[in-house]
Protein backbone atom coordinates (compact mmCIF):
# COMPACT_ATOMS: atom_id res chain seq x y z
CA GLU A 1 0.31 0.19 -0.11
CA LEU A 2 2.90 2.39 0.99
CA GLN A 3 4.37 2.36 -2.74
CA ALA A 4 0.63 2.64 -4.05
CA LEU A 5 0.04 5.51 -1.77
CA LEU A 6 3.63 7.32 -2.68
CA GLY A 7 2.47 6.75 -6.69
CA GLU A 8 -0.61 8.46 -6.40
CA LEU A 9 0.97 11.41 -4.33
CA GLU A 10 4.07 12.13 -6.60
CA PRO A 11 2.39 14.56 -8.72
CA HIS A 12 1.18 16.27 -5.78
CA LEU A 13 4.62 16.49 -3.96
CA LEU A 14 7.05 19.30 -3.17
CA ASP A 15 10.53 18.88 -2.25
CA VAL A 16 11.81 20.95 0.87
CA ASP A 17 12.69 23.84 -1.56
CA GLY A 18 8.83 24.10 -2.16
CA ALA A 19 9.18 22.83 -6.01
CA SER A 20 7.79 20.37 -7.66
CA PRO A 21 10.27 17.06 -7.96
CA LEU A 22 8.35 17.22 -11.72
CA GLY A 23 9.09 20.60 -11.91
CA LEU A 24 5.33 21.57 -12.07
CA PRO A 25 4.99 25.08 -10.62
CA PRO A 26 4.51 25.73 -6.87
CA ALA A 27 0.47 25.63 -6.25
CA ALA A 28 -2.08 25.69 -3.58
CA GLY A 29 -2.80 21.91 -2.83
CA ARG A 30 0.82 20.30 -3.38
CA VAL A 31 1.86 18.05 -0.47
CA LEU A 32 5.51 18.67 1.38
CA LEU A 33 5.86 14.63 2.47
CA VAL A 34 8.09 15.04 5.57
CA SER A 35 8.06 11.14 6.40
CA CYS A 36 6.65 7.83 5.10
CA GLY A 37 6.91 4.65 6.49
CA VAL A 38 5.37 1.32 7.80
CA GLY A 39 3.67 0.37 11.21
CA ALA A 40 2.85 2.93 13.86
CA PRO A 41 4.17 6.99 14.07
CA ARG A 42 6.60 7.77 16.59
CA GLU A 43 8.09 10.56 18.68
CA ASP A 44 10.51 11.04 15.50
CA ASP A 45 7.51 11.78 13.35
CA LEU A 46 6.43 14.36 15.68
CA THR A 47 9.53 16.15 16.30
CA LEU A 48 9.40 15.99 12.17
CA LEU A 49 6.20 17.72 12.01
CA GLN A 50 6.82 19.86 14.62
CA GLN A 51 9.90 21.41 12.82
CA ALA A 52 7.87 21.72 9.66
CA ARG A 53 5.49 23.81 11.47
CA ARG A 54 8.18 25.99 12.43
CA GLU A 55 9.44 26.41 9.29
CA GLY A 56 6.38 27.64 7.89
CA PHE A 57 4.27 24.77 6.99
CA ALA A 58 0.89 23.48 8.50
CA PRO A 59 1.59 19.93 8.65
CA ALA A 60 -0.80 16.95 9.58
CA LEU A 61 -0.40 13.50 10.60
CA TYR A 62 -1.54 10.81 8.33
CA THR A 63 -2.00 7.23 9.04
CA LEU A 64 -3.69 4.42 6.98
CA ASN A 65 -4.71 1.00 8.86
CA VAL A 66 -2.84 1.54 12.49
CA ARG A 67 -4.00 3.32 15.70
CA LEU A 68 -2.14 5.92 17.21
CA ASP A 69 -0.42 5.41 20.36
CA PRO A 70 -2.20 7.28 23.05
CA ARG A 71 0.27 8.99 24.75
CA LEU A 72 1.60 9.88 21.19
CA GLY A 73 -1.90 10.90 20.41
CA ARG A 74 -1.91 13.45 23.39
CA ARG A 75 1.41 14.78 22.51
CA VAL A 76 0.31 15.53 18.78
CA ARG A 77 -3.01 17.30 19.88
CA GLN A 78 -0.78 19.11 22.42
CA ALA A 79 1.46 20.66 19.51
CA GLY A 80 -1.71 21.37 17.25
CA VAL A 81 -0.90 18.76 14.80
CA PRO A 82 -4.04 17.58 13.14
CA HIS A 83 -3.77 13.80 13.36
CA ARG A 84 -5.96 12.04 10.28
CA GLY A 85 -6.26 8.12 10.50
CA PHE A 86 -7.68 6.10 8.00
CA ASP A 87 -8.43 2.61 6.91
CA VAL A 88 -9.45 3.24 3.08
CA PHE A 89 -6.44 4.07 1.13
CA TYR A 90 -9.01 6.29 -1.48
CA GLU A 91 -10.41 8.25 1.61
CA LEU A 92 -6.44 9.31 2.75
CA LEU A 93 -6.06 10.08 -0.78
CA ASP A 94 -8.97 12.45 -1.19
CA ASP A 95 -8.50 14.27 2.12
CA VAL A 96 -4.85 14.81 0.96
CA ILE A 97 -5.15 15.77 -2.39
CA GLY A 98 -8.78 16.12 -2.95
CA PRO A 99 -11.61 13.61 -4.91
CA SER A 100 -10.88 15.06 -7.95
CA ALA A 101 -7.12 14.97 -8.04
CA ALA A 102 -7.39 11.40 -6.60
CA GLY A 103 -9.77 10.47 -9.20
CA GLY A 104 -12.87 9.97 -7.18
């Protein structure tokens, strides 16, 4: 699922300088991916989200088919980072990039 998700997101991704790796101009709706992986989020992920916030981004924590550890969930809420958990791949895509962009 991770590779399929990244494949769907690729046209919408920004690199750390705010440019599209595909050469597309910066635009609203583009996504800066700061971390991805298999398994439940960890403290390191929260640290990356907090750093992105300090750099002027509006980060959110997305999870697919995993539950957030309650302690980490409290820390995420205290940091003011939204957490969006999904069990369905295309629902996550719709939330990140919008239904029309996700083919829905």
